[in-house]
N, C-alpha and C. Protein backbone atom coordinates (compact mmCIF):
# COMPACT_ATOMS: atom_id res chain seq x y z
N MET A 1 31.95 -4.76 -10.24
CA MET A 1 30.56 -3.82 -10.56
C MET A 1 31.24 -2.52 -10.47
N ASP A 2 31.71 -1.50 -11.70
CA ASP A 2 31.77 -0.60 -11.53
C ASP A 2 30.82 0.64 -11.18
N GLN A 3 31.51 1.76 -10.70
CA GLN A 3 30.28 2.81 -9.81
C GLN A 3 29.11 2.72 -10.18
N LYS A 4 29.33 3.19 -11.63
CA LYS A 4 28.33 4.05 -12.58
C LYS A 4 27.32 2.71 -12.60
N LYS A 5 27.65 1.79 -13.25
CA LYS A 5 26.98 0.55 -13.29
C LYS A 5 25.78 0.41 -12.14
N LYS A 6 26.37 0.61 -10.60
CA LYS A 6 25.65 0.26 -9.68
C LYS A 6 24.72 1.14 -9.36
N LYS A 7 24.99 2.90 -9.63
CA LYS A 7 23.73 3.64 -9.20
C LYS A 7 22.90 3.35 -10.27
N GLN A 8 23.13 3.16 -11.41
CA GLN A 8 22.09 2.56 -12.47
C GLN A 8 21.05 1.74 -12.27
N GLU A 9 21.59 0.59 -11.34
CA GLU A 9 20.72 -0.77 -11.23
C GLU A 9 20.30 -0.11 -10.02
N MET A 10 20.15 0.41 -9.05
CA MET A 10 19.96 0.93 -7.84
C MET A 10 18.58 1.91 -7.92
N ALA A 11 18.71 2.61 -8.92
CA ALA A 11 17.87 4.10 -9.35
C ALA A 11 17.02 3.12 -10.30
N THR A 12 15.32 3.18 -9.87
CA THR A 12 14.57 2.46 -10.69
C THR A 12 13.69 3.97 -11.02
N SER A 13 13.65 5.21 -10.55
CA SER A 13 12.42 5.98 -11.00
C SER A 13 13.07 7.19 -11.56
N CYS A 14 11.52 7.51 -12.62
CA CYS A 14 12.10 8.58 -13.49
C CYS A 14 12.10 9.82 -12.70
N ASP A 15 11.63 9.94 -11.24
CA ASP A 15 12.16 11.10 -10.63
C ASP A 15 13.42 11.73 -10.47
N MET A 16 14.30 10.46 -10.31
CA MET A 16 15.84 10.74 -9.97
C MET A 16 16.39 10.40 -11.39
N CYS A 17 16.05 10.89 -12.22
CA CYS A 17 16.66 10.77 -13.85
C CYS A 17 16.80 12.22 -14.21
N GLY A 18 18.01 12.23 -14.78
CA GLY A 18 18.54 13.66 -15.61
C GLY A 18 17.85 14.13 -16.62
N HIS A 19 17.14 13.04 -17.49
CA HIS A 19 16.35 13.03 -18.61
C HIS A 19 14.77 13.43 -18.13
N TYR A 20 14.47 13.57 -17.45
CA TYR A 20 13.02 13.55 -16.73
C TYR A 20 12.88 15.09 -16.43
N ALA A 21 12.42 16.04 -17.29
CA ALA A 21 12.13 16.87 -17.55
C ALA A 21 10.79 17.75 -17.55
N TYR A 22 10.59 19.01 -16.48
CA TYR A 22 9.51 19.28 -16.91
C TYR A 22 8.87 20.56 -17.45
N ASP A 23 8.25 20.34 -18.14
CA ASP A 23 7.53 21.00 -19.01
C ASP A 23 6.39 22.47 -18.47
N GLU A 24 7.25 23.56 -18.56
CA GLU A 24 5.82 24.69 -17.87
C GLU A 24 5.04 24.74 -19.06
N GLU A 25 4.90 25.18 -20.23
CA GLU A 25 3.53 25.13 -21.08
C GLU A 25 2.53 24.13 -20.87
N ASP A 26 2.93 23.01 -20.63
CA ASP A 26 1.77 21.51 -20.68
C ASP A 26 1.92 21.25 -19.39
N GLU A 27 2.60 21.74 -18.19
CA GLU A 27 2.62 21.70 -17.27
C GLU A 27 2.42 20.32 -16.47
N CYS A 28 3.38 19.79 -17.32
CA CYS A 28 3.54 18.18 -16.91
C CYS A 28 5.40 17.40 -17.23
N TYR A 29 5.48 16.38 -16.62
CA TYR A 29 6.99 16.05 -16.55
C TYR A 29 7.08 15.31 -18.25
N TYR A 30 8.02 15.11 -18.68
CA TYR A 30 8.36 13.93 -19.53
C TYR A 30 9.65 13.90 -19.47
N CYS A 31 9.83 12.77 -20.25
CA CYS A 31 11.63 12.19 -20.80
C CYS A 31 11.82 12.95 -21.98
N ASP A 32 12.76 13.78 -21.81
CA ASP A 32 13.15 14.14 -23.35
C ASP A 32 14.60 13.12 -24.00
N MET A 33 14.41 11.88 -23.85
CA MET A 33 15.06 11.09 -24.71
C MET A 33 14.43 10.69 -25.85
N ASN A 34 14.82 10.79 -27.03
CA ASN A 34 14.42 9.98 -28.25
C ASN A 34 13.83 8.60 -27.89
N LEU A 35 12.82 8.23 -27.27
CA LEU A 35 12.32 6.63 -27.19
C LEU A 35 11.88 6.41 -28.37
N ASP A 36 12.58 5.15 -28.51
CA ASP A 36 11.64 4.05 -29.74
C ASP A 36 10.78 3.71 -29.22
N GLU A 37 9.48 2.66 -29.67
CA GLU A 37 8.58 2.24 -29.71
C GLU A 37 8.32 1.34 -28.43
N ASP A 38 9.06 0.65 -28.49
CA ASP A 38 8.86 -0.16 -26.83
C ASP A 38 9.57 0.27 -26.02
N ASP A 39 10.58 1.48 -25.93
CA ASP A 39 11.10 2.34 -24.37
C ASP A 39 9.96 2.95 -24.32
N MET A 40 9.10 3.88 -25.44
CA MET A 40 8.17 4.71 -24.81
C MET A 40 7.10 3.82 -24.44
N MET A 41 6.28 2.85 -24.79
CA MET A 41 5.77 2.18 -24.13
C MET A 41 5.90 2.24 -22.91
N LYS A 42 6.85 1.31 -22.78
CA LYS A 42 7.45 0.79 -21.17
C LYS A 42 7.56 2.02 -20.23
N PHE A 43 7.63 3.79 -20.90
CA PHE A 43 7.64 4.70 -19.84
C PHE A 43 6.25 4.90 -19.73
N LEU A 44 5.18 4.84 -20.60
CA LEU A 44 3.85 5.30 -20.43
C LEU A 44 3.22 4.35 -19.48
N THR A 45 3.77 3.29 -19.52
CA THR A 45 3.22 1.83 -18.48
C THR A 45 3.62 2.02 -17.00
N GLY A 46 4.61 2.78 -17.03
CA GLY A 46 5.16 2.88 -15.67
C GLY A 46 6.30 1.35 -15.35
N ASP A 47 6.67 1.04 -16.55
CA ASP A 47 7.56 -0.21 -16.26
C ASP A 47 8.95 0.88 -16.65
N THR A 48 9.72 1.43 -15.65
CA THR A 48 11.20 1.91 -15.85
C THR A 48 11.98 1.36 -15.11
N ASN A 49 12.03 0.22 -14.84
CA ASN A 49 12.75 -0.23 -13.56
C ASN A 49 14.47 -0.79 -14.00
N HIS A 50 14.35 -1.27 -15.48
CA HIS A 50 15.67 -1.28 -16.40
C HIS A 50 15.71 -0.32 -17.74
N CYS A 51 15.87 0.67 -17.33
CA CYS A 51 15.87 1.72 -18.59
C CYS A 51 17.20 2.69 -18.79
N HIS A 52 17.17 2.24 -20.24
CA HIS A 52 18.75 2.40 -20.82
C HIS A 52 19.16 3.38 -20.70
N TYR A 53 18.43 4.52 -20.72
CA TYR A 53 18.73 5.76 -20.65
C TYR A 53 18.85 6.71 -19.40
N PHE A 54 18.63 5.60 -18.42
CA PHE A 54 18.59 6.38 -17.17
C PHE A 54 19.84 7.02 -16.69
N SER A 55 20.07 8.25 -16.07
CA SER A 55 21.21 9.11 -15.80
C SER A 55 20.76 9.61 -14.49
N LEU A 56 21.46 9.27 -13.22
CA LEU A 56 21.11 9.84 -11.77
C LEU A 56 21.30 11.27 -12.12
N TYR A 57 20.50 12.21 -11.53
CA TYR A 57 20.09 13.50 -11.63
C TYR A 57 20.68 13.77 -10.43
N ASP A 58 22.22 14.50 -10.43
CA ASP A 58 22.76 14.78 -9.30
C ASP A 58 23.15 16.59 -9.36
N GLU A 59 22.35 16.96 -8.92
CA GLU A 59 22.50 18.57 -8.93
C GLU A 59 23.77 19.08 -8.14
N TYR A 60 24.26 18.34 -7.51
CA TYR A 60 25.86 18.79 -6.48
C TYR A 60 26.95 18.08 -7.44
N ALA A 61 27.35 17.74 -8.79
CA ALA A 61 28.20 16.98 -9.25
C ALA A 61 29.30 17.78 -9.61
N ILE A 62 28.82 18.83 -10.26
CA ILE A 62 29.89 20.31 -10.60
C ILE A 62 30.21 20.66 -9.53
N VAL A 63 29.86 21.19 -8.37
CA VAL A 63 30.30 21.40 -7.34
C VAL A 63 31.59 20.77 -6.73
N ARG A 64 31.13 19.17 -6.60
CA ARG A 64 32.03 18.41 -6.22
C ARG A 64 33.41 18.10 -6.89
N HIS A 65 32.99 18.27 -8.26
CA HIS A 65 34.21 18.37 -9.19
C HIS A 65 35.18 19.37 -9.23
N GLN A 66 34.63 20.47 -8.90
CA GLN A 66 35.42 22.02 -8.55
C GLN A 66 36.25 21.81 -7.10
N MET A 67 35.95 20.99 -6.45
CA MET A 67 36.74 20.89 -5.31
C MET A 67 38.06 20.02 -5.42
């Protein structure tokens, strides 16, 4: 199993996803991916264990890449 796939299986929270953004105007978080009807229903009900769009948010990835 490659490293990226392992990270996707370990992380299950939207809070850790790079696509989970805060909207200051509405003062709430949302998923900024274009979700289809089934994926949106999973997101709204909190069933995000196996999200196809999950991308681990790592704010230090660029710094590590530059080293």
